Amino acid sequence: MRRDDGSAAVEFVLVGVLLTALTLGVIQLAFALHVRNTLIDAAAEGARFAALAGNSPEDGAERTRQLITTAVGADYAAGVTSGYTEYLGVAATEVTVSAPLPLAGPFGPPRSLEVTGHAAAETLVG
């Protein structure tokens, strides 16, 4: 018959490694989702800002860059573009953000995450 002396220590280490890896994976997923949601919100807010009467698409892009830099860092704000478009048959502004998807901490493949925000363009009637 074999003895189990020392098996509890090995089991503790193996379970500890497994739980640590699982916890780090969940934290990384939460961070990736946070970055994605922040970029979506910033693109939508930038499009709304650009759509205001008197503002240009570049104003919306700059507003988007400011929001992203404040929330998640300047590395994610490098790929912001904006312009006029037609969305669902209505004249609109569009802000697109291309950023890295964080896979290992804040690092990931560049421009692997792309989000777009739209807003109906306002005009002055008078």
N, C-alpha and C. Protein backbone atom coordinates (compact mmCIF):
# COMPACT_ATOMS: atom_id res chain seq x y z
N MET A 1 0.83 -1.17 0.00
CA MET A 1 0.00 0.00 0.00
C MET A 1 0.88 1.25 0.00
N ARG A 2 0.48 2.23 -0.79
CA ARG A 2 1.24 3.48 -0.85
C ARG A 2 0.80 4.42 0.23
N ARG A 3 1.74 5.23 0.64
CA ARG A 3 1.41 6.25 1.65
C ARG A 3 1.09 7.56 0.96
N ASP A 4 0.21 8.37 1.55
CA ASP A 4 -0.11 9.67 0.97
C ASP A 4 0.57 10.81 1.71
N ASP A 5 1.65 10.59 2.36
CA ASP A 5 2.36 11.69 3.01
C ASP A 5 2.82 12.69 1.95
N GLY A 6 2.53 13.95 2.19
CA GLY A 6 2.96 15.01 1.27
C GLY A 6 2.00 15.26 0.12
N SER A 7 0.98 14.45 -0.06
CA SER A 7 0.08 14.66 -1.19
C SER A 7 -0.79 15.91 -1.00
N ALA A 8 -1.06 16.29 0.23
CA ALA A 8 -1.87 17.49 0.48
C ALA A 8 -1.13 18.74 0.02
N ALA A 9 0.18 18.78 0.21
CA ALA A 9 0.96 19.95 -0.22
C ALA A 9 0.96 20.07 -1.74
N VAL A 10 1.13 18.96 -2.44
CA VAL A 10 1.12 18.97 -3.90
C VAL A 10 -0.27 19.37 -4.41
N GLU A 11 -1.30 18.82 -3.81
CA GLU A 11 -2.67 19.16 -4.21
C GLU A 11 -2.94 20.65 -4.00
N PHE A 12 -2.47 21.19 -2.89
CA PHE A 12 -2.67 22.61 -2.60
C PHE A 12 -2.00 23.47 -3.66
N VAL A 13 -0.78 23.13 -4.05
CA VAL A 13 -0.05 23.90 -5.06
C VAL A 13 -0.76 23.82 -6.40
N LEU A 14 -1.18 22.63 -6.81
CA LEU A 14 -1.84 22.48 -8.10
C LEU A 14 -3.18 23.22 -8.16
N VAL A 15 -3.95 23.12 -7.12
CA VAL A 15 -5.23 23.83 -7.07
C VAL A 15 -4.99 25.34 -7.01
N GLY A 16 -3.98 25.76 -6.27
CA GLY A 16 -3.65 27.19 -6.19
C GLY A 16 -3.26 27.76 -7.54
N VAL A 17 -2.45 27.03 -8.31
CA VAL A 17 -2.05 27.48 -9.64
C VAL A 17 -3.27 27.58 -10.55
N LEU A 18 -4.14 26.59 -10.51
CA LEU A 18 -5.34 26.58 -11.34
C LEU A 18 -6.26 27.76 -10.99
N LEU A 19 -6.49 27.99 -9.72
CA LEU A 19 -7.36 29.09 -9.31
C LEU A 19 -6.74 30.46 -9.63
N THR A 20 -5.43 30.57 -9.50
CA THR A 20 -4.76 31.82 -9.85
C THR A 20 -4.90 32.12 -11.34
N ALA A 21 -4.69 31.11 -12.18
CA ALA A 21 -4.83 31.29 -13.62
C ALA A 21 -6.27 31.66 -13.99
N LEU A 22 -7.23 31.01 -13.37
CA LEU A 22 -8.63 31.32 -13.62
C LEU A 22 -8.97 32.75 -13.20
N THR A 23 -8.50 33.17 -12.05
CA THR A 23 -8.75 34.53 -11.56
C THR A 23 -8.12 35.57 -12.49
N LEU A 24 -6.88 35.35 -12.90
CA LEU A 24 -6.23 36.29 -13.81
C LEU A 24 -6.94 36.35 -15.16
N GLY A 25 -7.44 35.23 -15.64
CA GLY A 25 -8.20 35.21 -16.89
C GLY A 25 -9.48 36.02 -16.79
N VAL A 26 -10.19 35.89 -15.69
CA VAL A 26 -11.43 36.65 -15.49
C VAL A 26 -11.12 38.15 -15.39
N ILE A 27 -10.05 38.50 -14.69
CA ILE A 27 -9.66 39.92 -14.57
C ILE A 27 -9.29 40.48 -15.94
N GLN A 28 -8.56 39.70 -16.76
CA GLN A 28 -8.19 40.16 -18.09
C GLN A 28 -9.42 40.34 -18.98
N LEU A 29 -10.37 39.42 -18.90
CA LEU A 29 -11.60 39.54 -19.67
C LEU A 29 -12.37 40.79 -19.25
N ALA A 30 -12.44 41.04 -17.95
CA ALA A 30 -13.13 42.24 -17.46
C ALA A 30 -12.45 43.50 -17.97
N PHE A 31 -11.12 43.52 -17.99
CA PHE A 31 -10.40 44.69 -18.48
C PHE A 31 -10.65 44.90 -19.97
N ALA A 32 -10.62 43.82 -20.75
CA ALA A 32 -10.88 43.93 -22.19
C ALA A 32 -12.29 44.46 -22.45
N LEU A 33 -13.26 43.99 -21.70
CA LEU A 33 -14.63 44.48 -21.86
C LEU A 33 -14.75 45.94 -21.42
N HIS A 34 -14.03 46.31 -20.38
CA HIS A 34 -14.02 47.71 -19.93
C HIS A 34 -13.47 48.62 -21.03
N VAL A 35 -12.37 48.22 -21.64
CA VAL A 35 -11.77 49.01 -22.71
C VAL A 35 -12.74 49.12 -23.89
N ARG A 36 -13.34 48.00 -24.28
CA ARG A 36 -14.29 48.00 -25.39
C ARG A 36 -15.47 48.93 -25.11
N ASN A 37 -16.06 48.80 -23.95
CA ASN A 37 -17.22 49.64 -23.60
C ASN A 37 -16.83 51.12 -23.52
N THR A 38 -15.65 51.40 -23.01
CA THR A 38 -15.18 52.79 -22.93
C THR A 38 -14.99 53.37 -24.33
N LEU A 39 -14.43 52.59 -25.25
CA LEU A 39 -14.24 53.06 -26.62
C LEU A 39 -15.57 53.29 -27.31
N ILE A 40 -16.53 52.40 -27.11
CA ILE A 40 -17.87 52.58 -27.70
C ILE A 40 -18.51 53.86 -27.19
N ASP A 41 -18.45 54.07 -25.89
CA ASP A 41 -19.05 55.27 -25.31
C ASP A 41 -18.35 56.54 -25.80
N ALA A 42 -17.03 56.51 -25.87
CA ALA A 42 -16.29 57.69 -26.32
C ALA A 42 -16.58 58.00 -27.79
N ALA A 43 -16.68 56.96 -28.63
CA ALA A 43 -17.00 57.18 -30.05
C ALA A 43 -18.39 57.78 -30.20
N ALA A 44 -19.35 57.27 -29.45
CA ALA A 44 -20.72 57.80 -29.53
C ALA A 44 -20.76 59.24 -29.03
N GLU A 45 -20.08 59.52 -27.94
CA GLU A 45 -20.07 60.88 -27.40
C GLU A 45 -19.36 61.84 -28.36
N GLY A 46 -18.27 61.39 -28.97
CA GLY A 46 -17.58 62.22 -29.95
C GLY A 46 -18.44 62.51 -31.17
N ALA A 47 -19.20 61.51 -31.63
CA ALA A 47 -20.10 61.72 -32.76
C ALA A 47 -21.20 62.71 -32.40
N ARG A 48 -21.74 62.60 -31.19
CA ARG A 48 -22.77 63.55 -30.75
C ARG A 48 -22.20 64.97 -30.67
N PHE A 49 -20.98 65.08 -30.18
CA PHE A 49 -20.34 66.40 -30.07
C PHE A 49 -20.10 66.99 -31.46
N ALA A 50 -19.65 66.16 -32.40
CA ALA A 50 -19.39 66.63 -33.76
C ALA A 50 -20.69 67.00 -34.47
N ALA A 51 -21.80 66.37 -34.09
CA ALA A 51 -23.08 66.61 -34.76
C ALA A 51 -23.73 67.93 -34.35
N LEU A 52 -23.27 68.53 -33.28
CA LEU A 52 -23.85 69.80 -32.84
C LEU A 52 -23.60 70.88 -33.88
N ALA A 53 -24.58 71.75 -34.07
CA ALA A 53 -24.43 72.85 -35.02
C ALA A 53 -23.23 73.70 -34.62
N GLY A 54 -22.38 73.99 -35.59
CA GLY A 54 -21.19 74.80 -35.32
C GLY A 54 -19.94 73.98 -35.05
N ASN A 55 -20.06 72.68 -34.86
CA ASN A 55 -18.89 71.84 -34.64
C ASN A 55 -18.55 71.05 -35.90
N SER A 56 -17.30 70.65 -36.01
CA SER A 56 -16.85 69.87 -37.17
C SER A 56 -16.55 68.44 -36.73
N PRO A 57 -16.39 67.53 -37.69
CA PRO A 57 -16.00 66.17 -37.32
C PRO A 57 -14.68 66.11 -36.55
N GLU A 58 -13.76 67.02 -36.86
CA GLU A 58 -12.48 67.03 -36.12
C GLU A 58 -12.69 67.40 -34.66
N ASP A 59 -13.68 68.25 -34.38
CA ASP A 59 -14.02 68.55 -32.98
C ASP A 59 -14.47 67.29 -32.25
N GLY A 60 -15.26 66.48 -32.94
CA GLY A 60 -15.72 65.21 -32.35
C GLY A 60 -14.58 64.24 -32.14
N ALA A 61 -13.65 64.18 -33.10
CA ALA A 61 -12.50 63.29 -32.96
C ALA A 61 -11.64 63.72 -31.77
N GLU A 62 -11.44 65.02 -31.62
CA GLU A 62 -10.63 65.51 -30.50
C GLU A 62 -11.32 65.21 -29.17
N ARG A 63 -12.63 65.40 -29.12
CA ARG A 63 -13.39 65.08 -27.89
C ARG A 63 -13.25 63.59 -27.57
N THR A 64 -13.32 62.75 -28.58
CA THR A 64 -13.17 61.30 -28.39
C THR A 64 -11.78 60.98 -27.85
N ARG A 65 -10.75 61.59 -28.41
CA ARG A 65 -9.39 61.36 -27.92
C ARG A 65 -9.24 61.76 -26.46
N GLN A 66 -9.83 62.89 -26.09
CA GLN A 66 -9.76 63.34 -24.70
C GLN A 66 -10.43 62.34 -23.76
N LEU A 67 -11.61 61.86 -24.13
CA LEU A 67 -12.33 60.92 -23.28
C LEU A 67 -11.56 59.60 -23.12
N ILE A 68 -11.02 59.10 -24.23
CA ILE A 68 -10.29 57.83 -24.17
C ILE A 68 -9.01 57.99 -23.36
N THR A 69 -8.28 59.08 -23.58
CA THR A 69 -7.04 59.31 -22.83
C THR A 69 -7.30 59.39 -21.34
N THR A 70 -8.38 60.07 -20.97
CA THR A 70 -8.72 60.19 -19.55
C THR A 70 -9.10 58.85 -18.94
N ALA A 71 -9.84 58.03 -19.69
CA ALA A 71 -10.38 56.79 -19.13
C ALA A 71 -9.40 55.62 -19.16
N VAL A 72 -8.75 55.38 -20.31
CA VAL A 72 -7.91 54.18 -20.41
C VAL A 72 -6.49 54.44 -20.89
N GLY A 73 -6.17 55.65 -21.31
CA GLY A 73 -4.79 55.96 -21.68
C GLY A 73 -4.65 56.38 -23.13
N ALA A 74 -3.58 57.11 -23.39
CA ALA A 74 -3.34 57.68 -24.72
C ALA A 74 -3.05 56.62 -25.78
N ASP A 75 -2.54 55.45 -25.39
CA ASP A 75 -2.24 54.40 -26.37
C ASP A 75 -3.49 53.96 -27.12
N TYR A 76 -4.63 54.06 -26.48
CA TYR A 76 -5.88 53.62 -27.09
C TYR A 76 -6.53 54.72 -27.92
N ALA A 77 -6.03 55.95 -27.84
CA ALA A 77 -6.65 57.09 -28.52
C ALA A 77 -5.96 57.45 -29.82
N ALA A 78 -5.00 56.67 -30.26
CA ALA A 78 -4.21 57.04 -31.44
C ALA A 78 -4.99 56.88 -32.74
N GLY A 79 -5.89 55.92 -32.82
CA GLY A 79 -6.56 55.62 -34.09
C GLY A 79 -7.98 56.16 -34.17
N VAL A 80 -8.17 57.45 -33.97
CA VAL A 80 -9.51 58.05 -34.02
C VAL A 80 -9.67 58.79 -35.35
N THR A 81 -10.72 58.46 -36.09
CA THR A 81 -11.05 59.16 -37.33
C THR A 81 -12.51 59.60 -37.28
N SER A 82 -12.83 60.62 -38.07
CA SER A 82 -14.20 61.12 -38.06
C SER A 82 -14.55 61.71 -39.42
N GLY A 83 -15.84 61.84 -39.66
CA GLY A 83 -16.30 62.43 -40.91
C GLY A 83 -17.81 62.48 -40.97
N TYR A 84 -18.29 63.01 -42.09
CA TYR A 84 -19.73 63.05 -42.33
C TYR A 84 -20.13 61.80 -43.09
N THR A 85 -21.33 61.33 -42.87
CA THR A 85 -21.84 60.14 -43.54
C THR A 85 -23.35 60.21 -43.58
N GLU A 86 -23.96 59.21 -44.15
CA GLU A 86 -25.41 59.07 -44.09
C GLU A 86 -25.70 57.79 -43.33
N TYR A 87 -26.50 57.89 -42.31
CA TYR A 87 -26.80 56.73 -41.46
C TYR A 87 -28.31 56.56 -41.39
N LEU A 88 -28.81 55.44 -41.88
CA LEU A 88 -30.25 55.15 -41.92
C LEU A 88 -31.02 56.25 -42.66
N GLY A 89 -30.42 56.77 -43.72
CA GLY A 89 -31.08 57.78 -44.54
C GLY A 89 -31.01 59.19 -44.01
N VAL A 90 -30.26 59.44 -42.96
CA VAL A 90 -30.17 60.76 -42.34
C VAL A 90 -28.72 61.22 -42.37
N ALA A 91 -28.50 62.51 -42.65
CA ALA A 91 -27.15 63.07 -42.59
C ALA A 91 -26.62 62.92 -41.16
N ALA A 92 -25.42 62.41 -41.04
CA ALA A 92 -24.89 62.10 -39.70
C ALA A 92 -23.39 62.33 -39.66
N THR A 93 -22.88 62.36 -38.45
CA THR A 93 -21.44 62.35 -38.23
C THR A 93 -21.05 60.97 -37.73
N GLU A 94 -19.82 60.60 -38.03
CA GLU A 94 -19.34 59.26 -37.66
C GLU A 94 -17.95 59.39 -37.05
N VAL A 95 -17.75 58.74 -35.93
CA VAL A 95 -16.42 58.70 -35.30
C VAL A 95 -16.05 57.23 -35.16
N THR A 96 -14.88 56.86 -35.68
CA THR A 96 -14.40 55.48 -35.62
C THR A 96 -13.12 55.44 -34.80
N VAL A 97 -13.04 54.46 -33.92
CA VAL A 97 -11.86 54.29 -33.07
C VAL A 97 -11.27 52.91 -33.35
N SER A 98 -9.99 52.87 -33.71
CA SER A 98 -9.25 51.61 -33.85
C SER A 98 -8.20 51.58 -32.76
N ALA A 99 -8.22 50.51 -31.97
CA ALA A 99 -7.31 50.43 -30.82
C ALA A 99 -6.91 48.98 -30.60
N PRO A 100 -5.86 48.76 -29.81
CA PRO A 100 -5.48 47.38 -29.49
C PRO A 100 -6.48 46.74 -28.53
N LEU A 101 -6.74 45.46 -28.74
CA LEU A 101 -7.56 44.69 -27.82
C LEU A 101 -6.62 44.12 -26.76
N PRO A 102 -6.77 44.52 -25.51
CA PRO A 102 -5.82 44.06 -24.48
C PRO A 102 -5.97 42.56 -24.21
N LEU A 103 -4.92 41.80 -24.56
CA LEU A 103 -4.94 40.35 -24.35
C LEU A 103 -4.05 39.92 -23.19
N ALA A 104 -2.96 40.65 -22.97
CA ALA A 104 -2.05 40.35 -21.87
C ALA A 104 -1.78 41.65 -21.13
N GLY A 105 -2.53 41.89 -20.08
CA GLY A 105 -2.45 43.19 -19.41
C GLY A 105 -2.99 44.23 -20.37
N PRO A 106 -2.31 45.36 -20.51
CA PRO A 106 -2.79 46.38 -21.45
C PRO A 106 -2.27 46.17 -22.88
N PHE A 107 -1.54 45.10 -23.13
CA PHE A 107 -0.91 44.86 -24.42
C PHE A 107 -1.75 43.94 -25.28
N GLY A 108 -1.74 44.23 -26.58
CA GLY A 108 -2.47 43.40 -27.52
C GLY A 108 -2.13 43.80 -28.94
N PRO A 109 -2.66 43.07 -29.91
CA PRO A 109 -2.37 43.40 -31.30
C PRO A 109 -2.93 44.77 -31.67
N PRO A 110 -2.15 45.60 -32.36
CA PRO A 110 -2.61 46.95 -32.69
C PRO A 110 -3.81 46.91 -33.65
N ARG A 111 -4.71 47.85 -33.45
CA ARG A 111 -5.89 48.04 -34.30
C ARG A 111 -6.74 46.77 -34.45
N SER A 112 -6.79 45.95 -33.42
CA SER A 112 -7.59 44.73 -33.49
C SER A 112 -9.01 44.94 -32.99
N LEU A 113 -9.29 46.12 -32.45
CA LEU A 113 -10.62 46.45 -31.95
C LEU A 113 -11.07 47.73 -32.64
N GLU A 114 -12.20 47.67 -33.34
CA GLU A 114 -12.70 48.86 -34.04
C GLU A 114 -14.16 49.08 -33.67
N VAL A 115 -14.46 50.29 -33.22
CA VAL A 115 -15.83 50.66 -32.85
C VAL A 115 -16.19 51.96 -33.56
N THR A 116 -17.48 52.16 -33.78
CA THR A 116 -17.96 53.34 -34.50
C THR A 116 -19.15 53.93 -33.78
N GLY A 117 -19.19 55.26 -33.72
CA GLY A 117 -20.33 55.98 -33.16
C GLY A 117 -20.94 56.88 -34.22
N HIS A 118 -22.27 56.97 -34.24
CA HIS A 118 -22.99 57.82 -35.19
C HIS A 118 -23.90 58.77 -34.43
N ALA A 119 -24.17 59.92 -35.06
CA ALA A 119 -25.15 60.86 -34.51
C ALA A 119 -25.72 61.69 -35.65
N ALA A 120 -27.01 61.97 -35.58
CA ALA A 120 -27.66 62.80 -36.59
C ALA A 120 -27.11 64.21 -36.53
N ALA A 121 -26.73 64.74 -37.69
CA ALA A 121 -26.13 66.07 -37.76
C ALA A 121 -27.20 67.14 -37.59
N GLU A 122 -26.92 68.13 -36.76
CA GLU A 122 -27.83 69.25 -36.56
C GLU A 122 -27.54 70.34 -37.58
N THR A 123 -28.57 71.05 -37.97
CA THR A 123 -28.40 72.19 -38.85
C THR A 123 -29.18 73.37 -38.29
N LEU A 124 -28.70 74.55 -38.58
CA LEU A 124 -29.40 75.76 -38.15
C LEU A 124 -30.37 76.19 -39.25
N VAL A 125 -31.60 76.39 -38.87
CA VAL A 125 -32.60 76.84 -39.82
C VAL A 125 -32.95 78.27 -39.46
N GLY A 126 -32.88 79.13 -40.40
CA GLY A 126 -33.23 80.48 -40.01
C GLY A 126 -33.04 81.43 -41.04
